[in-house]
Protein backbone atom coordinates (compact mmCIF):
# COMPACT_ATOMS: atom_id res chain seq x y z
CA MET A 1 9.49 8.22 -50.93
CA ARG A 2 7.16 8.63 -53.92
CA VAL A 3 4.88 5.57 -54.19
CA CYS A 4 2.41 5.11 -57.03
CA LEU A 5 -0.42 2.54 -57.10
CA HIS A 6 -1.15 1.35 -60.64
CA LEU A 7 -4.81 0.25 -60.63
CA ASP A 8 -7.35 -1.46 -62.84
CA PRO A 9 -10.25 1.05 -63.11
CA SER A 10 -12.78 -1.81 -63.12
CA ARG A 11 -11.39 -3.33 -59.89
CA LEU A 12 -10.90 -0.62 -57.25
CA LEU A 13 -11.13 -2.57 -54.01
CA ARG A 14 -10.96 -1.85 -50.31
CA TRP A 15 -7.68 -3.70 -49.82
CA HIS A 16 -6.09 -1.27 -52.30
CA LEU A 17 -7.37 1.55 -50.08
CA TRP A 18 -5.96 -0.14 -46.96
CA LEU A 19 -2.58 -0.21 -48.70
CA ALA A 20 -2.79 3.43 -49.81
CA GLU A 21 -3.75 4.61 -46.32
CA ALA A 22 -1.00 2.58 -44.63
CA LEU A 23 1.62 3.93 -47.05
CA ALA A 24 0.42 7.50 -46.50
CA GLU A 25 0.82 7.11 -42.71
CA VAL A 26 4.60 6.65 -43.10
CA PRO A 27 6.38 10.00 -42.65
CA GLY A 28 7.96 11.18 -45.90
CA ASN A 29 5.80 9.07 -48.21
CA GLU A 30 3.87 10.61 -51.08
CA VAL A 31 1.16 8.31 -52.43
CA SER A 32 -0.36 8.73 -55.88
CA CYS A 33 -2.13 6.55 -58.43
CA THR A 34 -2.43 5.81 -62.11
CA PHE A 35 -4.98 3.71 -63.97
CA GLY A 36 -4.36 1.04 -66.56
CA SER A 37 -6.05 0.94 -69.94
CA ASP A 38 -7.10 -2.73 -69.75
CA ARG A 39 -10.03 -3.87 -67.65
CA HIS A 40 -10.17 -7.19 -65.82
CA PRO A 41 -13.18 -7.00 -63.47
CA MET A 42 -13.86 -9.67 -60.89
CA PRO A 43 -15.94 -12.46 -62.50
CA PRO A 44 -19.67 -11.92 -61.87
CA ILE A 45 -20.05 -15.41 -60.37
CA CYS A 46 -17.45 -14.56 -57.73
CA ARG A 47 -19.10 -11.25 -56.92
CA LEU A 48 -22.44 -13.05 -56.65
CA LEU A 49 -20.99 -15.63 -54.28
CA LEU A 50 -19.48 -12.94 -52.05
CA GLU A 51 -22.86 -11.22 -51.78
CA LEU A 52 -24.61 -14.54 -51.09
CA GLU A 53 -22.16 -15.32 -48.29
CA ARG A 54 -22.99 -12.04 -46.58
CA LEU A 55 -26.62 -13.17 -46.38
CA VAL A 56 -26.15 -16.84 -45.53
CA TYR A 57 -23.22 -16.65 -43.10
CA GLY A 58 -23.61 -13.13 -41.79
CA VAL A 59 -20.20 -12.07 -43.11
CA ARG A 60 -19.79 -8.46 -42.00
CA GLY A 61 -19.24 -5.59 -44.40
CA ASP A 62 -16.10 -3.55 -45.05
CA GLY A 63 -14.43 -6.53 -46.65
CA ALA A 64 -11.21 -6.55 -48.63
CA THR A 65 -12.98 -7.08 -51.96
CA ASP A 66 -15.63 -4.36 -51.54
CA SER A 67 -15.63 -1.85 -54.38
CA VAL A 68 -14.53 1.65 -53.25
CA PRO A 69 -13.93 3.55 -56.52
CA ALA A 70 -14.58 7.05 -55.16
CA ALA A 71 -11.97 6.81 -52.39
CA LEU A 72 -9.28 5.48 -54.71
CA ARG A 73 -10.02 7.92 -57.55
CA ALA A 74 -9.57 10.70 -54.98
CA LEU A 75 -5.87 9.85 -54.69
CA ALA A 76 -3.60 12.38 -56.32
CA PRO A 77 -2.48 11.45 -59.85
CA SER A 78 1.19 10.77 -60.35
CA SER A 79 2.94 13.94 -61.54
CA THR A 80 6.61 12.96 -61.14
CA THR A 81 8.63 9.81 -61.65
CA PRO A 82 7.85 7.61 -58.62
CA ASP A 83 10.43 5.71 -56.62
CA VAL A 84 8.16 2.67 -56.42
CA VAL A 85 5.22 1.53 -58.51
CA ILE A 86 2.92 -1.09 -56.96
CA ASN A 87 1.30 -2.80 -59.90
CA LEU A 88 -2.18 -3.94 -58.86
CA SER A 89 -3.69 -3.90 -62.34
CA GLY A 90 -2.33 -7.12 -63.83
CA GLU A 91 -0.89 -5.27 -66.81
CA LYS A 92 2.59 -3.84 -67.24
CA PRO A 93 2.52 -0.19 -66.14
CA VAL A 94 3.60 2.32 -68.76
CA ILE A 95 4.91 4.73 -66.13
CA ASN A 96 8.66 4.71 -65.56
CA ALA A 97 9.88 3.88 -62.07
CA ARG A 98 13.06 2.81 -60.36
CA ARG A 99 11.25 -0.16 -58.85
CA VAL A 100 8.05 -2.07 -59.61
CA LEU A 101 6.33 -4.47 -57.17
CA THR A 102 3.71 -6.86 -58.59
CA PRO A 103 1.72 -9.22 -56.33
CA HIS A 104 0.74 -12.66 -57.61
CA PHE A 105 -1.71 -14.99 -55.91
CA ASN A 106 -0.86 -18.64 -56.55
CA GLY A 107 0.90 -17.65 -59.74
CA MET A 108 -1.75 -15.27 -61.07
CA PRO A 109 -1.84 -11.45 -60.97
CA GLY A 110 -5.06 -10.45 -59.24
CA GLU A 111 -7.37 -11.75 -56.54
CA ILE A 112 -8.80 -14.42 -58.86
CA GLY A 113 -5.64 -16.44 -58.23
CA ALA A 114 -6.57 -16.92 -54.57
CA MET A 115 -10.10 -17.93 -55.57
CA VAL A 116 -8.80 -20.51 -58.03
CA ALA A 117 -6.41 -21.88 -55.41
CA LEU A 118 -9.29 -22.40 -53.00
CA ALA A 119 -11.38 -24.03 -55.71
CA ASN A 120 -8.53 -26.42 -56.50
CA GLY A 121 -7.82 -27.26 -52.84
CA GLU A 122 -4.38 -25.61 -52.89
CA ASP A 123 -2.55 -23.87 -50.06
CA LEU A 124 -2.55 -20.11 -50.48
CA LEU A 125 0.59 -18.34 -51.65
CA VAL A 126 1.29 -14.64 -52.17
CA GLU A 127 4.42 -13.78 -54.16
CA LEU A 128 5.53 -10.19 -54.60
CA HIS A 129 7.73 -9.83 -57.66
CA ASP A 130 10.33 -7.07 -57.35
CA THR A 131 12.18 -5.67 -60.37
CA THR A 132 15.20 -4.91 -58.16
CA CYS A 133 15.50 -8.64 -57.38
CA PRO A 134 13.60 -10.51 -60.11
CA TRP A 135 14.99 -13.94 -59.26
CA SER A 136 13.67 -13.99 -55.67
CA PRO A 137 10.11 -12.82 -54.93
CA TRP A 138 8.88 -11.86 -51.50
CA VAL A 139 6.70 -14.68 -50.15
CA ALA A 140 3.77 -14.96 -47.71
CA ARG A 141 1.58 -17.96 -46.85
CA PRO A 142 -1.77 -16.75 -45.52
CA ALA A 143 -4.03 -18.95 -43.44
CA SER A 144 -7.22 -20.40 -44.91
CA ALA A 145 -9.53 -19.16 -42.18
CA ASP A 146 -12.55 -20.97 -43.64
CA ARG A 147 -12.04 -22.61 -47.01
CA ASP A 148 -15.81 -22.86 -47.54
CA VAL A 149 -16.39 -19.13 -47.07
CA LEU A 150 -14.67 -17.22 -49.84
CA ALA A 151 -15.08 -13.75 -48.30
CA VAL A 152 -13.39 -14.68 -45.01
CA THR A 153 -10.39 -16.30 -46.68
CA LEU A 154 -10.00 -13.48 -49.22
CA ASP A 155 -10.12 -10.91 -46.41
CA GLY A 156 -7.26 -12.67 -44.64
CA THR A 157 -5.21 -13.29 -47.77
CA LEU A 158 -5.45 -9.70 -49.02
CA SER A 159 -4.69 -8.31 -45.54
CA CYS A 160 -1.49 -10.37 -45.59
CA ALA A 161 -0.74 -9.06 -49.08
CA VAL A 162 -0.91 -5.49 -47.76
CA LEU A 163 1.56 -6.36 -44.98
CA LEU A 164 3.91 -8.03 -47.46
CA ILE A 165 3.89 -5.00 -49.77
CA LEU A 166 4.50 -2.62 -46.86
CA LYS A 167 7.43 -4.73 -45.73
CA ALA A 168 8.93 -4.72 -49.23
CA VAL A 169 8.49 -0.96 -49.67
CA ARG A 170 10.16 -0.45 -46.30
CA GLY A 171 13.18 -2.37 -47.58
CA ASP A 172 13.33 -5.10 -44.93
CA LYS A 173 15.16 -8.39 -45.18
CA ARG A 174 13.41 -10.69 -47.59
CA SER A 175 12.39 -13.79 -45.58
CA VAL A 176 8.81 -13.58 -44.36
CA ALA A 177 7.79 -17.19 -44.98
CA SER A 178 9.52 -20.54 -45.00
CA GLU A 179 11.04 -21.59 -48.29
CA ALA A 180 10.15 -25.29 -47.95
CA ALA A 181 7.27 -26.96 -49.76
CA ARG A 182 5.89 -24.08 -51.78
CA PRO A 183 2.34 -24.71 -52.94
CA ARG A 184 2.06 -25.42 -56.62
CA THR A 185 0.73 -22.46 -58.57
CA SER A 186 -2.44 -22.54 -60.61
CA GLY A 187 -2.62 -22.25 -64.33
CA LEU A 188 -4.90 -19.60 -65.81
CA GLN A 189 -7.82 -21.94 -66.37
CA GLY A 190 -9.63 -21.32 -63.12
CA GLY A 191 -12.99 -19.91 -64.27
CA SER A 192 -14.77 -23.25 -64.46
CA SER A 193 -13.16 -24.41 -61.21
CA VAL A 194 -14.40 -21.31 -59.39
CA LEU A 195 -17.87 -21.80 -60.84
CA ARG A 196 -18.04 -25.44 -59.71
CA TRP A 197 -16.73 -24.51 -56.29
CA ALA A 198 -19.15 -21.60 -55.94
CA SER A 199 -22.16 -23.77 -56.77
CA GLY A 200 -21.20 -26.43 -54.23
CA THR A 201 -19.85 -24.50 -51.29
CA ILE A 202 -23.18 -23.53 -49.68
CA ALA A 203 -24.44 -27.11 -49.83
CA SER A 204 -21.16 -28.44 -48.42
CA LYS A 205 -21.30 -26.04 -45.48
CA ALA A 206 -24.93 -26.92 -44.73
CA ALA A 207 -24.20 -30.65 -44.89
CA ARG A 208 -21.34 -30.32 -42.43
CA LEU A 209 -23.47 -28.33 -40.01
CA LEU A 210 -26.18 -30.99 -40.17
CA ASN A 211 -23.56 -33.68 -39.55
CA ILE A 212 -22.34 -31.85 -36.44
CA ILE A 213 -25.88 -31.58 -35.10
CA ALA A 214 -26.58 -35.26 -35.76
CA LYS A 215 -23.37 -36.73 -34.38
CA GLY A 216 -22.33 -34.23 -31.75
CA GLY A 217 -20.10 -31.25 -32.43
CA ARG A 218 -16.33 -31.21 -32.43
CA MET A 219 -14.64 -29.27 -29.66
CA TRP A 220 -11.37 -28.82 -27.82
CA GLY A 221 -10.25 -30.98 -24.92
CA VAL A 222 -7.14 -31.07 -22.70
CA GLY A 223 -4.86 -34.05 -22.18
CA TRP A 224 -2.25 -34.43 -19.42
CA ARG A 225 0.37 -36.88 -18.23
CA LEU A 226 2.84 -37.06 -15.34
CA ASP A 227 6.31 -38.41 -16.09
CA GLU A 228 9.34 -37.36 -14.09
CA GLY A 229 11.60 -39.27 -16.46
CA LYS A 230 11.12 -38.78 -20.21
CA SER A 231 9.01 -36.25 -22.03
CA LEU A 232 7.04 -36.79 -25.22
CA LEU A 233 10.00 -35.32 -27.10
CA ASP A 234 12.22 -38.08 -25.68
CA ARG A 235 9.75 -40.95 -25.98
CA GLY A 236 8.30 -40.09 -29.38
CA LYS A 237 4.88 -41.41 -28.32
CA ALA A 238 2.82 -41.13 -25.13
CA ALA A 239 -0.74 -41.46 -23.83
CA PHE A 240 -2.48 -38.46 -22.25
CA LYS A 241 -5.48 -38.60 -19.91
CA MET A 242 -8.32 -36.24 -20.78
CA LEU A 243 -9.63 -33.65 -18.35
CA ALA A 244 -13.39 -33.71 -17.86
CA ALA A 245 -15.43 -30.66 -18.88
CA ASP A 246 -19.08 -29.96 -18.12
CA ALA A 247 -21.81 -30.01 -20.77
CA ASP A 248 -21.83 -26.22 -21.12
CA SER A 249 -18.14 -25.73 -21.87
CA TYR A 250 -14.95 -27.04 -23.35
CA LEU A 251 -11.30 -26.76 -22.20
CA ALA A 252 -8.26 -25.70 -24.25
CA ASP A 253 -4.88 -23.93 -24.07
CA PRO A 254 -3.36 -25.81 -21.07
CA PHE A 255 -0.40 -24.39 -19.12
CA PRO A 256 1.11 -26.32 -16.18
CA PHE A 257 2.51 -24.62 -13.09
CA SER A 258 3.84 -26.04 -9.82
CA HIS A 259 3.70 -24.18 -6.50
CA ARG A 260 4.57 -25.42 -3.01
CA GLY A 261 4.49 -29.06 -4.02
CA GLN A 262 1.15 -28.92 -5.86
CA THR A 263 0.83 -29.01 -9.65
CA PHE A 264 -1.87 -27.05 -11.44
CA ILE A 265 -3.13 -26.85 -15.01
CA PHE A 266 -4.43 -23.46 -16.13
CA VAL A 267 -6.84 -23.64 -19.07
CA GLU A 268 -9.24 -21.68 -21.17
CA GLN A 269 -12.79 -22.70 -20.22
CA TYR A 270 -15.13 -21.66 -23.01
CA SER A 271 -18.80 -21.23 -22.10
CA TYR A 272 -21.31 -21.96 -24.85
CA ARG A 273 -23.94 -19.99 -22.93
CA LYS A 274 -21.79 -16.85 -22.53
CA LYS A 275 -20.06 -17.32 -25.90
CA ARG A 276 -16.66 -16.43 -24.50
CA GLY A 277 -13.78 -17.99 -22.64
CA CYS A 278 -12.51 -17.44 -19.13
CA ILE A 279 -9.49 -18.81 -17.24
CA ALA A 280 -9.89 -21.84 -14.99
CA VAL A 281 -7.48 -23.98 -12.98
CA VAL A 282 -7.38 -27.73 -12.37
CA THR A 283 -5.32 -29.50 -9.70
CA ALA A 284 -3.25 -32.38 -11.10
CA ASN A 285 -2.48 -34.93 -8.41
CA ARG A 286 0.48 -37.28 -8.27
CA ASP A 287 -1.86 -40.28 -7.98
CA GLY A 288 -3.09 -39.60 -11.51
CA THR A 289 -6.37 -37.93 -10.55
CA ALA A 290 -7.41 -34.39 -11.37
CA GLY A 291 -9.82 -31.94 -9.78
CA GLU A 292 -12.72 -30.09 -11.34
CA PRO A 293 -12.05 -26.88 -13.31
CA ARG A 294 -12.49 -23.80 -11.14
CA VAL A 295 -12.81 -20.35 -12.71
CA VAL A 296 -10.11 -17.93 -11.49
CA LEU A 297 -10.28 -15.06 -13.99
CA GLU A 298 -13.22 -13.75 -16.01
CA GLU A 299 -13.72 -10.53 -17.94
CA ALA A 300 -16.48 -9.11 -20.11
CA HIS A 301 -14.43 -10.17 -23.16
CA HIS A 302 -12.98 -13.50 -24.27
CA LEU A 303 -9.91 -14.83 -22.45
CA SER A 304 -7.73 -17.81 -23.36
CA TYR A 305 -4.07 -18.96 -23.52
CA PRO A 306 -3.28 -18.41 -19.78
CA PHE A 307 0.51 -18.02 -19.84
CA VAL A 308 1.45 -18.36 -16.13
CA PHE A 309 5.03 -17.76 -15.02
CA GLU A 310 7.16 -16.63 -12.09
CA HIS A 311 9.34 -13.52 -12.26
CA ASP A 312 10.96 -11.33 -9.59
CA GLY A 313 9.41 -13.40 -6.80
CA GLN A 314 5.83 -12.96 -8.06
CA ILE A 315 3.51 -15.22 -10.06
CA TRP A 316 2.08 -13.60 -13.18
CA MET A 317 -0.37 -14.42 -15.94
CA ILE A 318 -0.68 -13.01 -19.47
CA PRO A 319 -3.94 -14.35 -20.92
CA GLU A 320 -4.93 -13.80 -24.53
CA SER A 321 -7.35 -10.86 -24.73
CA GLY A 322 -7.35 -10.00 -28.41
CA ALA A 323 -11.08 -9.24 -28.31
CA ALA A 324 -10.29 -6.30 -26.00
CA ARG A 325 -7.49 -5.12 -28.32
CA ASN A 326 -4.82 -5.22 -25.62
CA VAL A 327 -2.32 -7.44 -23.83
CA SER A 328 -2.81 -7.32 -20.07
CA LEU A 329 -0.66 -8.56 -17.20
CA TYR A 330 -2.23 -10.08 -14.07
CA ARG A 331 -0.58 -10.81 -10.70
CA ALA A 332 -1.56 -13.60 -8.32
CA ILE A 333 -3.02 -12.15 -5.10
CA GLU A 334 -3.86 -15.55 -3.61
CA PHE A 335 -2.42 -18.21 -5.88
CA PRO A 336 -4.01 -19.88 -7.77
CA TYR A 337 -7.53 -18.54 -7.25
CA ARG A 338 -7.29 -14.73 -7.04
CA TRP A 339 -5.69 -12.48 -9.65
CA ALA A 340 -5.51 -8.73 -10.11
CA ARG A 341 -4.89 -6.83 -13.33
CA GLU A 342 -1.50 -5.20 -12.85
CA ALA A 343 -0.74 -3.47 -16.15
CA CYS A 344 -1.64 -3.08 -19.80
CA LEU A 345 1.47 -4.13 -21.68
CA ILE A 346 0.27 -2.95 -25.07
CA ASP A 347 -2.96 -1.23 -26.04
CA ARG A 348 -5.05 -0.77 -29.19
CA VAL A 349 -3.49 -3.84 -30.79
CA GLU A 350 -5.41 -7.04 -31.49
CA ALA A 351 -2.66 -9.46 -30.46
CA TYR A 352 -3.06 -13.16 -29.75
CA ASP A 353 -1.24 -15.74 -27.64
CA CYS A 354 1.44 -13.47 -26.17
CA THR A 355 4.42 -15.65 -25.21
CA PRO A 356 7.30 -14.03 -23.30
CA LEU A 357 10.91 -15.20 -23.40
CA PHE A 358 13.40 -13.81 -20.91
CA ARG A 359 16.96 -13.38 -22.17
CA ASP A 360 19.50 -11.92 -19.73
CA GLY A 361 16.56 -10.71 -17.64
CA GLN A 362 15.05 -8.76 -20.55
CA PRO A 363 11.65 -9.91 -21.84
CA TRP A 364 10.87 -10.53 -25.47
CA PHE A 365 7.22 -10.91 -26.42
CA PHE A 366 6.07 -13.10 -29.32
CA VAL A 367 2.50 -12.43 -30.53
CA SER A 368 0.25 -13.05 -33.51
CA PRO A 369 -1.62 -9.86 -34.45
CA ARG A 370 -4.64 -9.32 -36.64
CA ARG A 371 -4.25 -6.57 -39.23
CA TRP A 372 -7.20 -5.23 -41.23
CA ARG A 373 -9.20 -8.43 -41.87
CA SER A 374 -6.44 -11.02 -41.55
CA SER A 375 -6.75 -14.15 -39.46
CA SER A 376 -4.82 -14.31 -36.19
CA TRP A 377 -2.96 -17.43 -37.31
CA ASP A 378 -0.44 -16.37 -39.94
CA ILE A 379 1.53 -13.32 -38.72
CA LEU A 380 4.34 -13.20 -36.15
CA ASP A 381 5.46 -10.00 -34.44
CA ILE A 382 8.20 -9.73 -31.83
CA TYR A 383 8.65 -6.96 -29.24
CA ARG A 384 11.22 -6.38 -26.50
CA ALA A 385 11.14 -4.34 -23.31
CA GLU A 386 13.58 -3.30 -20.60
CA SER A 387 11.36 -4.83 -17.91
CA LEU A 388 8.20 -6.89 -17.62
CA THR A 389 6.00 -3.79 -17.49
CA GLY A 390 8.24 -1.61 -19.66
CA ALA A 391 7.33 -0.08 -22.99
CA TRP A 392 7.28 -2.55 -25.88
CA VAL A 393 9.74 -1.83 -28.68
CA PRO A 394 8.77 -3.52 -31.98
CA HIS A 395 11.34 -5.68 -33.71
CA ALA A 396 12.88 -3.90 -36.67
CA ALA A 397 11.68 -6.63 -39.04
CA ASN A 398 8.02 -6.87 -37.94
CA PRO A 399 6.12 -8.66 -39.29
CA ILE A 400 8.76 -11.32 -38.75
CA LEU A 401 6.74 -13.96 -40.59
CA ILE A 402 3.62 -14.13 -42.72
CA ASP A 403 3.26 -17.90 -42.73
CA ALA A 404 0.29 -19.91 -41.49
CA SER A 405 2.50 -22.90 -40.74
CA LEU A 406 5.18 -21.25 -38.57
CA SER A 407 3.85 -18.07 -36.93
CA ARG A 408 1.30 -18.30 -34.10
CA PRO A 409 2.65 -19.39 -30.68
CA ALA A 410 1.52 -22.77 -29.35
CA GLY A 411 2.97 -22.72 -25.83
CA ALA A 412 5.88 -21.62 -23.69
CA PHE A 413 9.48 -21.83 -24.89
CA ILE A 414 11.17 -25.14 -24.08
CA GLU A 415 14.77 -25.86 -23.21
CA HIS A 416 15.58 -29.32 -24.60
CA ARG A 417 19.00 -30.88 -25.06
CA GLY A 418 20.72 -27.52 -25.05
CA GLN A 419 18.35 -25.94 -27.56
CA ILE A 420 15.63 -23.34 -27.14
CA LEU A 421 12.46 -24.53 -28.88
CA ARG A 422 9.42 -22.46 -29.78
CA PRO A 423 6.12 -24.37 -30.16
CA VAL A 424 4.13 -22.94 -33.08
CA GLN A 425 0.73 -23.71 -34.50
CA ASN A 426 0.64 -25.25 -37.95
CA CYS A 427 -2.48 -23.68 -39.48
CA SER A 428 -1.56 -24.19 -43.12
CA ARG A 429 -4.59 -26.42 -43.72
CA GLY A 430 -6.81 -24.99 -41.00
CA TYR A 431 -6.75 -23.91 -37.39
CA GLY A 432 -5.23 -26.30 -34.85
CA ASP A 433 -3.85 -29.01 -37.10
CA ALA A 434 -0.53 -29.76 -35.34
CA VAL A 435 2.25 -28.20 -33.27
CA THR A 436 5.65 -27.63 -34.87
CA LEU A 437 8.72 -27.13 -32.68
CA CYS A 438 11.18 -24.55 -33.99
CA ARG A 439 14.74 -24.13 -32.77
CA ILE A 440 15.65 -20.50 -32.07
CA ASP A 441 18.97 -19.75 -33.78
CA ALA A 442 19.11 -15.96 -33.52
CA LEU A 443 17.32 -13.20 -31.67
CA GLY A 444 18.27 -9.54 -31.57
CA PRO A 445 16.81 -6.08 -32.23
CA SER A 446 17.05 -6.63 -35.99
CA GLU A 447 17.74 -10.39 -36.20
CA PHE A 448 15.61 -13.49 -35.82
CA ALA A 449 16.08 -17.02 -37.05
CA GLN A 450 14.16 -20.20 -36.32
CA ALA A 451 14.37 -23.66 -37.83
CA PRO A 452 11.60 -26.32 -37.67
CA VAL A 453 12.96 -29.44 -35.93
CA GLY A 454 9.90 -31.63 -35.32
CA VAL A 455 6.13 -31.92 -35.11
CA ILE A 456 3.67 -33.00 -32.41
CA ARG A 457 0.41 -34.61 -33.49
CA ALA A 458 -2.52 -36.09 -31.61
CA THR A 459 -3.56 -39.32 -33.31
CA GLY A 460 -6.92 -38.78 -35.00
CA PHE A 461 -7.29 -35.21 -33.71
CA GLY A 462 -6.07 -31.69 -34.24
CA CYS A 463 -3.63 -30.18 -31.74
CA HIS A 464 -2.56 -26.56 -31.16
CA THR A 465 -0.96 -26.27 -27.68
CA TYR A 466 1.91 -28.15 -26.03
CA ASN A 467 3.49 -27.32 -22.68
CA ARG A 468 5.54 -29.10 -20.03
CA GLY A 469 6.97 -28.35 -16.62
CA SER A 470 7.77 -30.12 -13.31
CA GLY A 471 7.19 -33.54 -14.85
CA LEU A 472 3.75 -32.57 -16.17
CA GLU A 473 3.00 -32.48 -19.89
CA VAL A 474 -0.19 -31.07 -21.39
CA ILE A 475 -1.69 -30.81 -24.85
CA ASP A 476 -5.06 -29.89 -26.26
CA VAL A 477 -6.85 -31.82 -28.99
CA PHE A 478 -9.70 -30.99 -31.35
CA GLY A 479 -12.41 -33.36 -32.45
CA ARG A 480 -15.29 -35.31 -30.95
CA VAL A 481 -13.78 -35.51 -27.49
CA GLY A 482 -16.96 -35.62 -25.40
CA GLN A 483 -16.53 -39.23 -24.27
CA LEU A 484 -12.78 -39.47 -24.82
CA ARG A 485 -10.81 -40.72 -21.82
CA GLU A 486 -7.32 -40.93 -23.34
CA VAL A 487 -5.50 -39.71 -26.43
CA THR A 488 -2.16 -40.70 -27.94
CA ALA A 489 0.27 -38.01 -29.05
CA THR A 490 3.42 -38.44 -31.12
CA TYR A 491 6.55 -36.39 -31.69
CA GLU A 492 8.40 -36.81 -34.99
CA PRO A 493 11.78 -35.09 -35.42
CA PHE A 494 12.49 -33.75 -38.88
CA SER A 495 15.41 -35.31 -40.70
CA ALA A 496 16.25 -31.97 -42.34
CA THR A 497 15.37 -28.49 -41.19
CA VAL A 498 14.70 -25.34 -43.10
CA SER A 499 15.38 -22.00 -41.43
CA ALA A 500 12.90 -19.17 -41.66
CA SER A 501 15.13 -16.25 -40.80
CA VAL A 502 15.55 -12.55 -41.14
CA GLU A 503 19.30 -12.63 -40.66
CA ARG A 504 21.42 -15.38 -39.13
CA GLN A 505 23.81 -14.76 -36.28
CA PRO A 506 25.45 -17.06 -33.70
CA ALA A 507 22.99 -18.41 -31.14
CA TRP A 508 22.88 -16.24 -28.06
CA SER A 509 24.57 -17.53 -24.95
CA SER A 510 22.38 -17.04 -21.91
CA VAL A 511 18.65 -17.33 -21.33
CA SER A 512 16.86 -16.99 -18.01
CA ALA A 513 13.31 -17.85 -16.95
CA GLY A 514 10.26 -18.10 -19.17
CA PHE A 515 10.54 -21.76 -20.14
CA GLY A 516 7.69 -24.24 -19.96
C-alpha cells in the first residue's frame, strides 16, 4: 500500500514520525511525504509552556510535540499516486489519492484543538475523517493524564491519534470508542483561552501541591464487606469497612480469594519509601475483623493488580508489571505466602491490569497497553491462547477500543443474573473516577461487543477496582482515607445501554472459570 503523509513544513513533529515509522514497519507499505504551501506553526505561547513544563515538572524529552524536521524531510517524496493520503497539514492536499484521512482534535485540524479543549475544560476527542465514509468518522477518546500538564496530555492524545490512524489504514471495523455522549467540539477561537490557561496552570498546580502538604495527601484505600446473601449489584448501596495501612504505604487493587475455608484479600501495597508497589495479602475473618497486610511478592519493579485465580488444580497470580514491560505468571508454592515466577506470558510489551477470561477452557487476556507516550488508561487490547502458558494471539481488531471511559480493566469478570460483566475503569475525567460494568455480548477471533449496564461509585471518593467472590466484596477508593473507617458504595444500573462493538454476534454459550 502506498501511504503519503501530507505535512505542514512549519510543524514537523515527533508524533508524525511515530506514525511514519509504524506505517513503514507493515510489510508491503511504501511511505512517502508531501508538504503543504500554507504554514500554521504551533502558537509561541504553547511552545513556551511546553518548555516551561519540562523545567518545572521534569517532563522527559522525546515528546509527541517535539520538532523533528530533519527526520521527516528525509522521507521519500511522493512519486506516484498514493492509495492513502494522511492529511496532517490542516489544508486540503493537492495530491490526488483514492482515500484521504484527516484527523481533527475536538473539531479542529491540528494539535491546537486538543490544547483548546483542555483550556475550556472539555473531554478530549479525536475524529479521523475518511473520504471513503464521510458521514461517519473514526473516533477515539484519549485519557486526560494530567489536565494541568499540557505536555503529558498531548503526548497521550497524539499517541492515541497514531493508533487510530493505523487502525483506519489497516481497514478494521470502525468502532473504537463508544458513540454515547460525544464531547462538544470547540470553535476556532481558542487562542485567548489557551493563553489564559497557560498563565494559570503553574500556579494552580503549585496551589494544589501546597494544599496536599497542609491537609494530608490523597491516597488509595481498600474497603471490604462480607455478605453471603446480596451483593452490591443486588442491593444498590452498601457500606464497606476500610483495611488499615501503615504510615509508609497505601493499599489498592483488592482481589478476594477463598482457600480451605479461609478468605483472603490480595492487594497492591505501595511503599512511599521504595516508590513502588508489591503484593500483600490480608486475612478477612468471618467475625468482621481483618489481619495486617503481609507482603507475599516483591520485585525490583512496581507490582499491582494481583489477579489470583485457580486453574488446572493450581493457584496462580498475574500481577501488573508494566514497568518491566512484560506480563508474568506466578504459581503458589505455599499458598498464600510463597509464590514462584512460572512463565512470561508476553514480553517487551508495556501492558497493564491483565485480566483473563476462560471460555471453553481457552484463556482470553484483556489488557491496557501503553503505546509511544500514551497513558495506560484509554486503550484495550485482547489476546487469546490455546492454554494458560501458550503463545498469545492478538485479536484481529486490536486496539479494540481507544476510549478512556470503557477500556482499562477494573477487576475480574463477573457472572451476574446470567450475564458476563466486565468491570472497567472510567478515566474520562481522570484516573480512578468510577467503575463501569459492561455486559459482554460477543467475543471471537475477530469479534467483540460490550455494552455498559451500570456504574459503581464510592460516595465522596474515586473508585477504580471492584471484585467479589465467596461472599466477600472489595473495592478501592481514592481520597483522604487516612482516618476513614467505613465508606459507602453505590451501584446504579443504566436505563439504556450503548454498545461499543467491533461486530455483533450472538452471545457465546459456555464460559468456565475466571470469574470474580
